[in-house]
Amino acid sequence: MREELLSLIEKNSRIDTKDLAVMLGKSELDIINELQKLEDEKIICGYHTLINWEKTSLDKVTALIEVKVTPQRGQGFDRIASRIFNYPEVRDVYLISGGFDLLVTLEEKSLKEIARFVSEKLSTLDSILSTATHFILKKYKDHGTIIDEQIKDEREIITP
């Protein structure tokens, strides 16, 4: 039941516990208790709302910053990742494979604010060897959700 419950709420965290109970063939109390256990065990780490900021009056710029670091002896990448994710400007930090070690996501009001963060805060950390900043120009799909429904899937349907 756990994996099914997680799959359902990952797609829509607003599903009512009564509806989840019906979908999973369990009591509502079972669902409420299981959700609480999943939160207590930090399997469910939070609930989020996906917003298409382009349709609002607020200006938001999202940047993906690749960061190459020198790992710390005995702590690997954890210590530097912790220093980075504790900045309030930082939205996400991932350890990645490839030419860089960490991928940092920022969301700010302007390109200038992101550039200032990278140059004044991120690049000045001792373990940082280099950074490469990429700006998101348009989101087509985010967290499994198509952002602009007007863009049609034009792939050809192939049947066996």
Protein backbone atom coordinates (compact mmCIF):
# COMPACT_ATOMS: atom_id res chain seq x y z
CA MET A 1 0.00 0.00 0.00
CA ARG A 2 2.87 2.40 0.80
CA GLU A 3 4.20 2.66 -2.74
CA GLU A 4 0.71 3.05 -4.22
CA LEU A 5 -0.11 5.78 -1.70
CA LEU A 6 3.15 7.59 -2.44
CA SER A 7 2.55 7.37 -6.19
CA LEU A 8 -0.93 8.84 -5.84
CA ILE A 9 0.04 11.78 -3.66
CA GLU A 10 3.17 12.49 -5.70
CA LYS A 11 0.91 13.20 -8.68
CA ASN A 12 -1.64 15.16 -6.64
CA SER A 13 -0.93 15.98 -3.01
CA ARG A 14 -4.39 17.49 -2.63
CA ILE A 15 -6.24 14.18 -2.93
CA ASP A 16 -8.56 13.91 0.05
CA THR A 17 -7.81 11.10 2.53
CA LYS A 18 -11.35 9.76 1.96
CA ASP A 19 -10.67 9.45 -1.77
CA LEU A 20 -7.30 7.83 -1.11
CA ALA A 21 -8.98 5.30 1.17
CA VAL A 22 -11.48 4.36 -1.54
CA MET A 23 -8.78 4.17 -4.22
CA LEU A 24 -6.59 1.92 -2.07
CA GLY A 25 -9.36 -0.12 -0.46
CA LYS A 26 -8.37 0.94 3.07
CA SER A 27 -10.04 2.90 5.85
CA GLU A 28 -9.50 6.64 6.06
CA LEU A 29 -7.89 6.16 9.46
CA ASP A 30 -5.39 3.71 7.91
CA ILE A 31 -4.51 6.33 5.29
CA ILE A 32 -4.13 9.12 7.86
CA ASN A 33 -1.91 6.91 10.05
CA GLU A 34 0.22 5.81 7.09
CA LEU A 35 0.70 9.40 5.90
CA GLN A 36 1.79 10.39 9.41
CA LYS A 37 4.30 7.51 9.53
CA LEU A 38 5.67 8.48 6.11
CA GLU A 39 6.12 12.07 7.30
CA ASP A 40 7.70 10.96 10.60
CA GLU A 41 10.16 8.73 8.70
CA LYS A 42 11.01 11.64 6.36
CA ILE A 43 9.86 9.63 3.34
CA ILE A 44 7.35 12.41 2.69
CA CYS A 45 9.50 15.52 3.03
CA GLY A 46 6.96 18.19 2.11
CA TYR A 47 4.01 19.15 -0.04
CA HIS A 48 4.44 21.61 -2.89
CA THR A 49 2.37 23.55 -5.38
CA LEU A 50 3.54 23.86 -8.98
CA ILE A 51 2.97 27.42 -10.23
CA ASN A 52 3.35 28.72 -13.77
CA TRP A 53 4.95 32.05 -12.85
CA GLU A 54 4.87 33.21 -16.47
CA LYS A 55 1.11 33.70 -16.11
CA THR A 56 1.47 35.99 -13.09
CA SER A 57 2.69 39.56 -12.72
CA LEU A 58 5.74 38.48 -10.68
CA ASP A 59 9.12 38.28 -12.34
CA LYS A 60 11.01 35.07 -11.57
CA VAL A 61 14.27 33.88 -13.09
CA THR A 62 15.38 30.30 -12.52
CA ALA A 63 19.01 29.28 -12.88
CA LEU A 64 20.72 25.91 -12.78
CA ILE A 65 24.28 26.27 -11.56
CA GLU A 66 26.78 23.49 -12.07
CA VAL A 67 29.39 23.52 -9.33
CA LYS A 68 32.74 21.74 -9.30
CA VAL A 69 34.11 21.31 -5.77
CA THR A 70 36.95 19.72 -3.87
CA PRO A 71 35.36 17.08 -1.62
CA GLN A 72 36.28 17.29 2.07
CA ARG A 73 38.27 14.44 3.62
CA GLY A 74 35.95 12.12 5.53
CA GLN A 75 32.83 14.10 4.55
CA GLY A 76 32.85 13.92 0.77
CA PHE A 77 30.48 16.47 -0.70
CA ASP A 78 28.08 16.66 2.26
CA ARG A 79 29.74 19.56 4.09
CA ILE A 80 29.96 21.88 1.10
CA ALA A 81 26.46 20.87 -0.04
CA SER A 82 25.17 21.77 3.43
CA ARG A 83 26.86 25.18 3.31
CA ILE A 84 25.26 25.83 -0.07
CA PHE A 85 21.73 24.62 0.72
CA ASN A 86 21.62 26.72 3.89
CA TYR A 87 21.61 29.93 1.85
CA PRO A 88 17.98 31.10 1.73
CA GLU A 89 18.31 31.89 -1.99
CA VAL A 90 19.06 28.26 -2.85
CA ARG A 91 16.07 26.21 -3.89
CA ASP A 92 17.67 22.81 -4.65
CA VAL A 93 21.07 21.12 -4.36
CA TYR A 94 21.84 17.77 -6.01
CA LEU A 95 25.00 15.64 -6.14
CA ILE A 96 25.34 14.74 -9.82
CA SER A 97 27.56 12.67 -12.06
CA GLY A 98 29.53 14.09 -14.97
CA GLY A 99 31.85 17.04 -15.33
CA PHE A 100 30.46 18.86 -12.29
CA ASP A 101 29.72 17.67 -8.76
CA LEU A 102 26.70 19.65 -7.60
CA LEU A 103 23.69 21.13 -9.34
CA VAL A 104 22.24 24.16 -7.53
CA THR A 105 18.89 25.73 -8.42
CA LEU A 106 18.15 29.38 -7.66
CA GLU A 107 14.99 31.36 -8.22
CA GLU A 108 15.31 35.14 -8.04
CA LYS A 109 13.71 38.29 -9.45
CA SER A 110 16.48 39.05 -11.96
CA LEU A 111 19.55 37.76 -13.75
CA LYS A 112 21.56 40.34 -11.82
CA GLU A 113 20.50 38.87 -8.44
CA ILE A 114 21.53 35.39 -9.54
CA ALA A 115 24.86 36.66 -10.87
CA ARG A 116 25.46 38.49 -7.58
CA PHE A 117 24.74 35.34 -5.56
CA VAL A 118 27.11 33.25 -7.68
CA SER A 119 29.94 35.76 -7.61
CA GLU A 120 29.64 37.04 -4.03
CA LYS A 121 28.52 33.96 -2.12
CA LEU A 122 28.90 30.72 -4.05
CA SER A 123 32.20 31.30 -5.84
CA THR A 124 33.88 32.59 -2.69
CA LEU A 125 33.49 29.30 -0.77
CA ASP A 126 36.85 27.57 -0.23
CA SER A 127 35.92 24.24 -1.81
CA ILE A 128 34.45 25.70 -5.02
CA LEU A 129 36.67 25.14 -8.04
CA SER A 130 34.34 26.43 -10.77
CA THR A 131 30.72 27.17 -11.66
CA ALA A 132 28.65 27.29 -14.82
CA THR A 133 25.28 29.05 -14.77
CA HIS A 134 22.38 28.12 -17.05
CA PHE A 135 19.16 30.14 -17.10
CA ILE A 136 15.79 28.50 -17.70
CA LEU A 137 14.17 30.37 -20.56
CA LYS A 138 10.88 28.46 -20.69
CA LYS A 139 9.40 25.49 -18.86
CA TYR A 140 7.49 22.98 -20.93
CA LYS A 141 7.08 20.27 -18.32
CA ASP A 142 7.90 20.44 -14.62
CA HIS A 143 7.51 17.74 -11.96
CA GLY A 144 5.74 15.54 -14.52
CA THR A 145 3.17 18.23 -15.37
CA ILE A 146 2.88 19.85 -18.79
CA ILE A 147 3.02 23.58 -18.11
CA ASP A 148 1.39 24.93 -21.28
CA GLU A 149 -1.48 22.72 -22.43
CA GLN A 150 -1.63 24.64 -25.72
CA ILE A 151 1.49 22.84 -26.91
CA LYS A 152 0.20 19.61 -28.43
CA ASP A 153 2.02 16.28 -28.34
CA GLU A 154 2.80 15.84 -32.03
CA ARG A 155 4.48 12.47 -31.76
CA GLU A 156 3.14 9.94 -34.22
CA ILE A 157 1.14 7.15 -32.63
CA ILE A 158 2.58 3.76 -33.52
CA THR A 159 0.49 0.65 -32.97
CA PRO A 160 1.77 -2.92 -33.16
